[in-house]
ModelCIF file with pLDDT and N, C-alpha, C, O atoms, coordinates in Angstrom:
data_MODEL
#
_entry.id   MODEL 
#
_entity.id                         1 
_entity.type                       polymer 
_entity.pdbx_number_of_molecules   1 
#
_entity_poly.entity_id                      1 
_entity_poly.type                           'polypeptide(L)' 
_entity_poly.nstd_linkage                   no 
_entity_poly.nstd_monomer                   no 
_entity_poly.pdbx_seq_one_letter_code       TITQYAFIDNELAKRNWAAAHLLIQPATYKFHGWAGEDG 
_entity_poly.pdbx_seq_one_letter_code_can   TITQYAFIDNELAKRNWAAAHLLIQPATYKFHGWAGEDG 
_entity_poly.pdbx_strand_id                 A 
#
loop_
_entity_poly_seq.entity_id 
_entity_poly_seq.num 
_entity_poly_seq.mon_id 
_entity_poly_seq.hetero 
1 1  THR n 
1 2  ILE n 
1 3  THR n 
1 4  GLN n 
1 5  TYR n 
1 6  ALA n 
1 7  PHE n 
1 8  ILE n 
1 9  ASP n 
1 10 ASN n 
1 11 GLU n 
1 12 LEU n 
1 13 ALA n 
1 14 LYS n 
1 15 ARG n 
1 16 ASN n 
1 17 TRP n 
1 18 ALA n 
1 19 ALA n 
1 20 ALA n 
1 21 HIS n 
1 22 LEU n 
1 23 LEU n 
1 24 ILE n 
1 25 GLN n 
1 26 PRO n 
1 27 ALA n 
1 28 THR n 
1 29 TYR n 
1 30 LYS n 
1 31 PHE n 
1 32 HIS n 
1 33 GLY n 
1 34 TRP n 
1 35 ALA n 
1 36 GLY n 
1 37 GLU n 
1 38 ASP n 
1 39 GLY n 
#
_struct_asym.id          A 
_struct_asym.entity_id   1 
#
loop_
_ma_qa_metric.id 
_ma_qa_metric.mode 
_ma_qa_metric.name 
_ma_qa_metric.software_group_id 
_ma_qa_metric.type 
1 global pLDDT . pLDDT 
2 local  pLDDT . pLDDT 
#
_ma_qa_metric_global.metric_id      1 
_ma_qa_metric_global.metric_value   92.15 
_ma_qa_metric_global.model_id       1 
_ma_qa_metric_global.ordinal_id     1 
#
loop_
_ma_qa_metric_local.label_asym_id 
_ma_qa_metric_local.label_comp_id 
_ma_qa_metric_local.label_seq_id 
_ma_qa_metric_local.metric_id 
_ma_qa_metric_local.metric_value 
_ma_qa_metric_local.model_id 
_ma_qa_metric_local.ordinal_id 
A THR 1  2 97.00 1 1  
A ILE 2  2 97.00 1 2  
A THR 3  2 95.00 1 3  
A GLN 4  2 94.00 1 4  
A TYR 5  2 94.00 1 5  
A ALA 6  2 91.00 1 6  
A PHE 7  2 87.00 1 7  
A ILE 8  2 87.00 1 8  
A ASP 9  2 87.00 1 9  
A ASN 10 2 88.00 1 10 
A GLU 11 2 88.00 1 11 
A LEU 12 2 88.00 1 12 
A ALA 13 2 90.00 1 13 
A LYS 14 2 92.00 1 14 
A ARG 15 2 93.00 1 15 
A ASN 16 2 91.00 1 16 
A TRP 17 2 90.00 1 17 
A ALA 18 2 94.00 1 18 
A ALA 19 2 94.00 1 19 
A ALA 20 2 90.00 1 20 
A HIS 21 2 88.00 1 21 
A LEU 22 2 92.00 1 22 
A LEU 23 2 94.00 1 23 
A ILE 24 2 91.00 1 24 
A GLN 25 2 91.00 1 25 
A PRO 26 2 92.00 1 26 
A ALA 27 2 92.00 1 27 
A THR 28 2 95.00 1 28 
A TYR 29 2 96.00 1 29 
A LYS 30 2 94.00 1 30 
A PHE 31 2 95.00 1 31 
A HIS 32 2 96.00 1 32 
A GLY 33 2 95.00 1 33 
A TRP 34 2 96.00 1 34 
A ALA 35 2 95.00 1 35 
A GLY 36 2 93.00 1 36 
A GLU 37 2 91.00 1 37 
A ASP 38 2 91.00 1 38 
A GLY 39 2 90.00 1 39 
#
loop_
_atom_site.group_PDB 
_atom_site.id 
_atom_site.type_symbol 
_atom_site.label_atom_id 
_atom_site.label_alt_id 
_atom_site.label_comp_id 
_atom_site.label_asym_id 
_atom_site.label_entity_id 
_atom_site.label_seq_id 
_atom_site.pdbx_PDB_ins_code 
_atom_site.Cartn_x 
_atom_site.Cartn_y 
_atom_site.Cartn_z 
_atom_site.occupancy 
_atom_site.B_iso_or_equiv 
_atom_site.pdbx_formal_charge 
_atom_site.auth_seq_id 
_atom_site.auth_comp_id 
_atom_site.auth_asym_id 
_atom_site.auth_atom_id 
_atom_site.pdbx_PDB_model_num 
ATOM 1   N N  . THR A 1 1  ? 30.294 -3.176  -41.060 1.00 97.00 ? 1  THR A N  1 
ATOM 2   C CA . THR A 1 1  ? 28.834 -3.612  -40.536 1.00 97.00 ? 1  THR A CA 1 
ATOM 3   C C  . THR A 1 1  ? 28.698 -5.191  -40.777 1.00 97.00 ? 1  THR A C  1 
ATOM 4   O O  . THR A 1 1  ? 28.248 -5.966  -39.933 1.00 97.00 ? 1  THR A O  1 
ATOM 5   N N  . ILE A 1 2  ? 29.116 -5.526  -41.949 1.00 97.00 ? 2  ILE A N  1 
ATOM 6   C CA . ILE A 1 2  ? 28.710 -6.831  -42.416 1.00 97.00 ? 2  ILE A CA 1 
ATOM 7   C C  . ILE A 1 2  ? 29.696 -8.012  -41.694 1.00 97.00 ? 2  ILE A C  1 
ATOM 8   O O  . ILE A 1 2  ? 29.345 -9.184  -41.558 1.00 97.00 ? 2  ILE A O  1 
ATOM 9   N N  . THR A 1 3  ? 30.909 -7.495  -41.291 1.00 95.00 ? 3  THR A N  1 
ATOM 10  C CA . THR A 1 3  ? 31.714 -8.512  -40.697 1.00 95.00 ? 3  THR A CA 1 
ATOM 11  C C  . THR A 1 3  ? 31.227 -8.907  -39.223 1.00 95.00 ? 3  THR A C  1 
ATOM 12  O O  . THR A 1 3  ? 31.779 -9.815  -38.602 1.00 95.00 ? 3  THR A O  1 
ATOM 13  N N  . GLN A 1 4  ? 30.367 -8.312  -38.804 1.00 94.00 ? 4  GLN A N  1 
ATOM 14  C CA . GLN A 1 4  ? 29.759 -8.843  -37.500 1.00 94.00 ? 4  GLN A CA 1 
ATOM 15  C C  . GLN A 1 4  ? 29.015 -10.029 -37.764 1.00 94.00 ? 4  GLN A C  1 
ATOM 16  O O  . GLN A 1 4  ? 28.626 -10.570 -36.728 1.00 94.00 ? 4  GLN A O  1 
ATOM 17  N N  . TYR A 1 5  ? 28.688 -10.613 -38.832 1.00 94.00 ? 5  TYR A N  1 
ATOM 18  C CA . TYR A 1 5  ? 28.064 -11.742 -39.322 1.00 94.00 ? 5  TYR A CA 1 
ATOM 19  C C  . TYR A 1 5  ? 29.140 -13.057 -39.576 1.00 94.00 ? 5  TYR A C  1 
ATOM 20  O O  . TYR A 1 5  ? 28.783 -14.231 -39.671 1.00 94.00 ? 5  TYR A O  1 
ATOM 21  N N  . ALA A 1 6  ? 30.381 -12.611 -39.650 1.00 91.00 ? 6  ALA A N  1 
ATOM 22  C CA . ALA A 1 6  ? 31.440 -13.478 -40.062 1.00 91.00 ? 6  ALA A CA 1 
ATOM 23  C C  . ALA A 1 6  ? 31.885 -14.292 -38.903 1.00 91.00 ? 6  ALA A C  1 
ATOM 24  O O  . ALA A 1 6  ? 31.744 -13.879 -37.752 1.00 91.00 ? 6  ALA A O  1 
ATOM 25  N N  . PHE A 1 7  ? 32.518 -15.648 -39.234 1.00 87.00 ? 7  PHE A N  1 
ATOM 26  C CA . PHE A 1 7  ? 32.866 -16.662 -38.097 1.00 87.00 ? 7  PHE A CA 1 
ATOM 27  C C  . PHE A 1 7  ? 34.344 -16.827 -38.022 1.00 87.00 ? 7  PHE A C  1 
ATOM 28  O O  . PHE A 1 7  ? 34.761 -17.901 -37.587 1.00 87.00 ? 7  PHE A O  1 
ATOM 29  N N  . ILE A 1 8  ? 35.210 -15.893 -38.395 1.00 87.00 ? 8  ILE A N  1 
ATOM 30  C CA . ILE A 1 8  ? 36.532 -15.960 -38.366 1.00 87.00 ? 8  ILE A CA 1 
ATOM 31  C C  . ILE A 1 8  ? 37.333 -15.106 -37.631 1.00 87.00 ? 8  ILE A C  1 
ATOM 32  O O  . ILE A 1 8  ? 36.855 -13.982 -37.479 1.00 87.00 ? 8  ILE A O  1 
ATOM 33  N N  . ASP A 1 9  ? 38.531 -15.334 -37.077 1.00 87.00 ? 9  ASP A N  1 
ATOM 34  C CA . ASP A 1 9  ? 39.102 -14.473 -36.111 1.00 87.00 ? 9  ASP A CA 1 
ATOM 35  C C  . ASP A 1 9  ? 40.201 -13.593 -36.840 1.00 87.00 ? 9  ASP A C  1 
ATOM 36  O O  . ASP A 1 9  ? 40.613 -12.518 -36.406 1.00 87.00 ? 9  ASP A O  1 
ATOM 37  N N  . ASN A 1 10 ? 40.646 -14.251 -38.098 1.00 88.00 ? 10 ASN A N  1 
ATOM 38  C CA . ASN A 1 10 ? 41.526 -13.180 -38.909 1.00 88.00 ? 10 ASN A CA 1 
ATOM 39  C C  . ASN A 1 10 ? 40.859 -12.010 -39.523 1.00 88.00 ? 10 ASN A C  1 
ATOM 40  O O  . ASN A 1 10 ? 39.846 -12.250 -40.181 1.00 88.00 ? 10 ASN A O  1 
ATOM 41  N N  . GLU A 1 11 ? 41.279 -10.714 -39.412 1.00 88.00 ? 11 GLU A N  1 
ATOM 42  C CA . GLU A 1 11 ? 40.366 -9.827  -39.714 1.00 88.00 ? 11 GLU A CA 1 
ATOM 43  C C  . GLU A 1 11 ? 40.269 -9.603  -41.196 1.00 88.00 ? 11 GLU A C  1 
ATOM 44  O O  . GLU A 1 11 ? 39.215 -9.147  -41.637 1.00 88.00 ? 11 GLU A O  1 
ATOM 45  N N  . LEU A 1 12 ? 41.176 -9.854  -41.940 1.00 88.00 ? 12 LEU A N  1 
ATOM 46  C CA . LEU A 1 12 ? 41.095 -9.753  -43.472 1.00 88.00 ? 12 LEU A CA 1 
ATOM 47  C C  . LEU A 1 12 ? 40.176 -10.867 -44.112 1.00 88.00 ? 12 LEU A C  1 
ATOM 48  O O  . LEU A 1 12 ? 39.354 -10.645 -45.001 1.00 88.00 ? 12 LEU A O  1 
ATOM 49  N N  . ALA A 1 13 ? 40.445 -12.158 -43.506 1.00 90.00 ? 13 ALA A N  1 
ATOM 50  C CA . ALA A 1 13 ? 39.554 -13.308 -43.970 1.00 90.00 ? 13 ALA A CA 1 
ATOM 51  C C  . ALA A 1 13 ? 38.027 -12.823 -43.462 1.00 90.00 ? 13 ALA A C  1 
ATOM 52  O O  . ALA A 1 13 ? 37.017 -12.937 -44.156 1.00 90.00 ? 13 ALA A O  1 
ATOM 53  N N  . LYS A 1 14 ? 38.058 -12.396 -42.438 1.00 92.00 ? 14 LYS A N  1 
ATOM 54  C CA . LYS A 1 14 ? 36.507 -12.009 -41.957 1.00 92.00 ? 14 LYS A CA 1 
ATOM 55  C C  . LYS A 1 14 ? 36.034 -11.298 -42.995 1.00 92.00 ? 14 LYS A C  1 
ATOM 56  O O  . LYS A 1 14 ? 35.097 -11.687 -43.693 1.00 92.00 ? 14 LYS A O  1 
ATOM 57  N N  . ARG A 1 15 ? 36.620 -10.265 -43.153 1.00 93.00 ? 15 ARG A N  1 
ATOM 58  C CA . ARG A 1 15 ? 36.086 -9.135  -44.164 1.00 93.00 ? 15 ARG A CA 1 
ATOM 59  C C  . ARG A 1 15 ? 35.786 -9.696  -45.720 1.00 93.00 ? 15 ARG A C  1 
ATOM 60  O O  . ARG A 1 15 ? 34.924 -9.288  -46.498 1.00 93.00 ? 15 ARG A O  1 
ATOM 61  N N  . ASN A 1 16 ? 36.656 -10.637 -45.899 1.00 91.00 ? 16 ASN A N  1 
ATOM 62  C CA . ASN A 1 16 ? 36.617 -11.278 -47.254 1.00 91.00 ? 16 ASN A CA 1 
ATOM 63  C C  . ASN A 1 16 ? 35.250 -12.254 -47.376 1.00 91.00 ? 16 ASN A C  1 
ATOM 64  O O  . ASN A 1 16 ? 34.488 -12.298 -48.342 1.00 91.00 ? 16 ASN A O  1 
ATOM 65  N N  . TRP A 1 17 ? 35.159 -12.990 -46.183 1.00 90.00 ? 17 TRP A N  1 
ATOM 66  C CA . TRP A 1 17 ? 34.031 -13.871 -46.086 1.00 90.00 ? 17 TRP A CA 1 
ATOM 67  C C  . TRP A 1 17 ? 32.787 -13.033 -46.203 1.00 90.00 ? 17 TRP A C  1 
ATOM 68  O O  . TRP A 1 17 ? 31.919 -13.264 -47.044 1.00 90.00 ? 17 TRP A O  1 
ATOM 69  N N  . ALA A 1 18 ? 32.731 -12.057 -45.333 1.00 94.00 ? 18 ALA A N  1 
ATOM 70  C CA . ALA A 1 18 ? 31.439 -11.222 -45.323 1.00 94.00 ? 18 ALA A CA 1 
ATOM 71  C C  . ALA A 1 18 ? 31.061 -10.694 -46.680 1.00 94.00 ? 18 ALA A C  1 
ATOM 72  O O  . ALA A 1 18 ? 29.884 -10.712 -47.041 1.00 94.00 ? 18 ALA A O  1 
ATOM 73  N N  . ALA A 1 19 ? 32.104 -10.184 -47.505 1.00 94.00 ? 19 ALA A N  1 
ATOM 74  C CA . ALA A 1 19 ? 32.003 -9.516  -48.750 1.00 94.00 ? 19 ALA A CA 1 
ATOM 75  C C  . ALA A 1 19 ? 31.294 -10.492 -49.702 1.00 94.00 ? 19 ALA A C  1 
ATOM 76  O O  . ALA A 1 19 ? 30.225 -10.302 -50.282 1.00 94.00 ? 19 ALA A O  1 
ATOM 77  N N  . ALA A 1 20 ? 32.201 -11.723 -49.762 1.00 90.00 ? 20 ALA A N  1 
ATOM 78  C CA . ALA A 1 20 ? 31.786 -12.854 -50.797 1.00 90.00 ? 20 ALA A CA 1 
ATOM 79  C C  . ALA A 1 20 ? 30.326 -13.360 -50.598 1.00 90.00 ? 20 ALA A C  1 
ATOM 80  O O  . ALA A 1 20 ? 29.582 -13.486 -51.570 1.00 90.00 ? 20 ALA A O  1 
ATOM 81  N N  . HIS A 1 21 ? 29.917 -13.654 -49.312 1.00 88.00 ? 21 HIS A N  1 
ATOM 82  C CA . HIS A 1 21 ? 28.725 -14.202 -49.032 1.00 88.00 ? 21 HIS A CA 1 
ATOM 83  C C  . HIS A 1 21 ? 27.621 -13.279 -48.895 1.00 88.00 ? 21 HIS A C  1 
ATOM 84  O O  . HIS A 1 21 ? 26.489 -13.589 -49.266 1.00 88.00 ? 21 HIS A O  1 
ATOM 85  N N  . LEU A 1 22 ? 27.908 -12.126 -48.365 1.00 92.00 ? 22 LEU A N  1 
ATOM 86  C CA . LEU A 1 22 ? 26.615 -11.133 -48.031 1.00 92.00 ? 22 LEU A CA 1 
ATOM 87  C C  . LEU A 1 22 ? 26.472 -10.086 -49.243 1.00 92.00 ? 22 LEU A C  1 
ATOM 88  O O  . LEU A 1 22 ? 25.340 -9.683  -49.510 1.00 92.00 ? 22 LEU A O  1 
ATOM 89  N N  . LEU A 1 23 ? 27.497 -9.660  -49.936 1.00 94.00 ? 23 LEU A N  1 
ATOM 90  C CA . LEU A 1 23 ? 27.248 -8.720  -50.886 1.00 94.00 ? 23 LEU A CA 1 
ATOM 91  C C  . LEU A 1 23 ? 26.512 -9.204  -52.177 1.00 94.00 ? 23 LEU A C  1 
ATOM 92  O O  . LEU A 1 23 ? 26.242 -8.426  -53.091 1.00 94.00 ? 23 LEU A O  1 
ATOM 93  N N  . ILE A 1 24 ? 26.269 -10.255 -52.193 1.00 91.00 ? 24 ILE A N  1 
ATOM 94  C CA . ILE A 1 24 ? 25.625 -10.970 -53.591 1.00 91.00 ? 24 ILE A CA 1 
ATOM 95  C C  . ILE A 1 24 ? 24.241 -10.867 -53.442 1.00 91.00 ? 24 ILE A C  1 
ATOM 96  O O  . ILE A 1 24 ? 23.481 -10.937 -54.408 1.00 91.00 ? 24 ILE A O  1 
ATOM 97  N N  . GLN A 1 25 ? 23.810 -10.679 -52.116 1.00 91.00 ? 25 GLN A N  1 
ATOM 98  C CA . GLN A 1 25 ? 22.469 -10.905 -51.783 1.00 91.00 ? 25 GLN A CA 1 
ATOM 99  C C  . GLN A 1 25 ? 21.536 -9.570  -51.585 1.00 91.00 ? 25 GLN A C  1 
ATOM 100 O O  . GLN A 1 25 ? 21.855 -8.736  -50.738 1.00 91.00 ? 25 GLN A O  1 
ATOM 101 N N  . PRO A 1 26 ? 20.541 -9.428  -52.282 1.00 92.00 ? 26 PRO A N  1 
ATOM 102 C CA . PRO A 1 26 ? 19.853 -8.310  -52.191 1.00 92.00 ? 26 PRO A CA 1 
ATOM 103 C C  . PRO A 1 26 ? 19.253 -7.868  -50.771 1.00 92.00 ? 26 PRO A C  1 
ATOM 104 O O  . PRO A 1 26 ? 19.121 -6.717  -50.357 1.00 92.00 ? 26 PRO A O  1 
ATOM 105 N N  . ALA A 1 27 ? 18.931 -9.045  -50.140 1.00 92.00 ? 27 ALA A N  1 
ATOM 106 C CA . ALA A 1 27 ? 18.497 -8.859  -48.696 1.00 92.00 ? 27 ALA A CA 1 
ATOM 107 C C  . ALA A 1 27 ? 19.366 -8.093  -47.871 1.00 92.00 ? 27 ALA A C  1 
ATOM 108 O O  . ALA A 1 27 ? 18.868 -7.392  -46.991 1.00 92.00 ? 27 ALA A O  1 
ATOM 109 N N  . THR A 1 28 ? 20.802 -8.138  -48.064 1.00 95.00 ? 28 THR A N  1 
ATOM 110 C CA . THR A 1 28 ? 21.695 -7.566  -47.305 1.00 95.00 ? 28 THR A CA 1 
ATOM 111 C C  . THR A 1 28 ? 21.568 -5.877  -47.444 1.00 95.00 ? 28 THR A C  1 
ATOM 112 O O  . THR A 1 28 ? 21.671 -5.032  -46.555 1.00 95.00 ? 28 THR A O  1 
ATOM 113 N N  . TYR A 1 29 ? 21.378 -5.755  -48.488 1.00 96.00 ? 29 TYR A N  1 
ATOM 114 C CA . TYR A 1 29 ? 21.303 -4.057  -48.815 1.00 96.00 ? 29 TYR A CA 1 
ATOM 115 C C  . TYR A 1 29 ? 20.001 -3.542  -48.324 1.00 96.00 ? 29 TYR A C  1 
ATOM 116 O O  . TYR A 1 29 ? 19.877 -2.435  -47.799 1.00 96.00 ? 29 TYR A O  1 
ATOM 117 N N  . LYS A 1 30 ? 18.994 -4.422  -48.524 1.00 94.00 ? 30 LYS A N  1 
ATOM 118 C CA . LYS A 1 30 ? 17.513 -3.886  -47.850 1.00 94.00 ? 30 LYS A CA 1 
ATOM 119 C C  . LYS A 1 30 ? 17.495 -3.855  -46.545 1.00 94.00 ? 30 LYS A C  1 
ATOM 120 O O  . LYS A 1 30 ? 17.100 -2.865  -45.928 1.00 94.00 ? 30 LYS A O  1 
ATOM 121 N N  . PHE A 1 31 ? 17.980 -5.088  -45.898 1.00 95.00 ? 31 PHE A N  1 
ATOM 122 C CA . PHE A 1 31 ? 17.969 -4.916  -44.394 1.00 95.00 ? 31 PHE A CA 1 
ATOM 123 C C  . PHE A 1 31 ? 18.730 -4.033  -43.766 1.00 95.00 ? 31 PHE A C  1 
ATOM 124 O O  . PHE A 1 31 ? 18.288 -3.705  -42.665 1.00 95.00 ? 31 PHE A O  1 
ATOM 125 N N  . HIS A 1 32 ? 19.815 -3.491  -44.121 1.00 96.00 ? 32 HIS A N  1 
ATOM 126 C CA . HIS A 1 32 ? 20.787 -2.417  -43.749 1.00 96.00 ? 32 HIS A CA 1 
ATOM 127 C C  . HIS A 1 32 ? 20.515 -1.024  -44.164 1.00 96.00 ? 32 HIS A C  1 
ATOM 128 O O  . HIS A 1 32 ? 21.108 -0.056  -43.688 1.00 96.00 ? 32 HIS A O  1 
ATOM 129 N N  . GLY A 1 33 ? 19.629 -0.963  -45.034 1.00 95.00 ? 33 GLY A N  1 
ATOM 130 C CA . GLY A 1 33 ? 19.075 0.507   -45.498 1.00 95.00 ? 33 GLY A CA 1 
ATOM 131 C C  . GLY A 1 33 ? 19.983 1.043   -46.518 1.00 95.00 ? 33 GLY A C  1 
ATOM 132 O O  . GLY A 1 33 ? 20.154 2.261   -46.543 1.00 95.00 ? 33 GLY A O  1 
ATOM 133 N N  . TRP A 1 34 ? 20.623 0.245   -47.414 1.00 96.00 ? 34 TRP A N  1 
ATOM 134 C CA . TRP A 1 34 ? 21.529 0.710   -48.429 1.00 96.00 ? 34 TRP A CA 1 
ATOM 135 C C  . TRP A 1 34 ? 20.886 0.583   -49.715 1.00 96.00 ? 34 TRP A C  1 
ATOM 136 O O  . TRP A 1 34 ? 21.488 0.946   -50.726 1.00 96.00 ? 34 TRP A O  1 
ATOM 137 N N  . ALA A 1 35 ? 19.664 0.078   -49.779 1.00 95.00 ? 35 ALA A N  1 
ATOM 138 C CA . ALA A 1 35 ? 18.970 0.064   -51.093 1.00 95.00 ? 35 ALA A CA 1 
ATOM 139 C C  . ALA A 1 35 ? 17.815 1.304   -51.028 1.00 95.00 ? 35 ALA A C  1 
ATOM 140 O O  . ALA A 1 35 ? 17.159 1.650   -50.045 1.00 95.00 ? 35 ALA A O  1 
ATOM 141 N N  . GLY A 1 36 ? 17.789 1.800   -52.263 1.00 93.00 ? 36 GLY A N  1 
ATOM 142 C CA . GLY A 1 36 ? 16.888 2.713   -52.403 1.00 93.00 ? 36 GLY A CA 1 
ATOM 143 C C  . GLY A 1 36 ? 15.411 2.284   -52.365 1.00 93.00 ? 36 GLY A C  1 
ATOM 144 O O  . GLY A 1 36 ? 15.184 1.077   -52.287 1.00 93.00 ? 36 GLY A O  1 
ATOM 145 N N  . GLU A 1 37 ? 14.343 3.184   -52.414 1.00 91.00 ? 37 GLU A N  1 
ATOM 146 C CA . GLU A 1 37 ? 12.882 2.805   -52.320 1.00 91.00 ? 37 GLU A CA 1 
ATOM 147 C C  . GLU A 1 37 ? 12.593 1.974   -53.246 1.00 91.00 ? 37 GLU A C  1 
ATOM 148 O O  . GLU A 1 37 ? 11.796 1.080   -52.962 1.00 91.00 ? 37 GLU A O  1 
ATOM 149 N N  . ASP A 1 38 ? 13.140 2.036   -54.560 1.00 91.00 ? 38 ASP A N  1 
ATOM 150 C CA . ASP A 1 38 ? 12.842 0.948   -55.599 1.00 91.00 ? 38 ASP A CA 1 
ATOM 151 C C  . ASP A 1 38 ? 13.580 -0.184  -55.309 1.00 91.00 ? 38 ASP A C  1 
ATOM 152 O O  . ASP A 1 38 ? 13.430 -1.065  -56.155 1.00 91.00 ? 38 ASP A O  1 
ATOM 153 N N  . GLY A 1 39 ? 14.346 -0.467  -54.375 1.00 90.00 ? 39 GLY A N  1 
ATOM 154 C CA . GLY A 1 39 ? 15.147 -1.915  -54.314 1.00 90.00 ? 39 GLY A CA 1 
ATOM 155 C C  . GLY A 1 39 ? 16.448 -1.545  -54.854 1.00 90.00 ? 39 GLY A C  1 
ATOM 156 O O  . GLY A 1 39 ? 17.335 -2.392  -54.965 1.00 90.00 ? 39 GLY A O  1 
#
């Protein structure tokens, strides 16, 4: 799901960019519905 926001053509590098940049952000989990009602 989050690799659709990455800017790299190499698949492993794309997944790593997405994980490093997006999974530290609470906004990512809330926007995609992965957070509970309490956040």
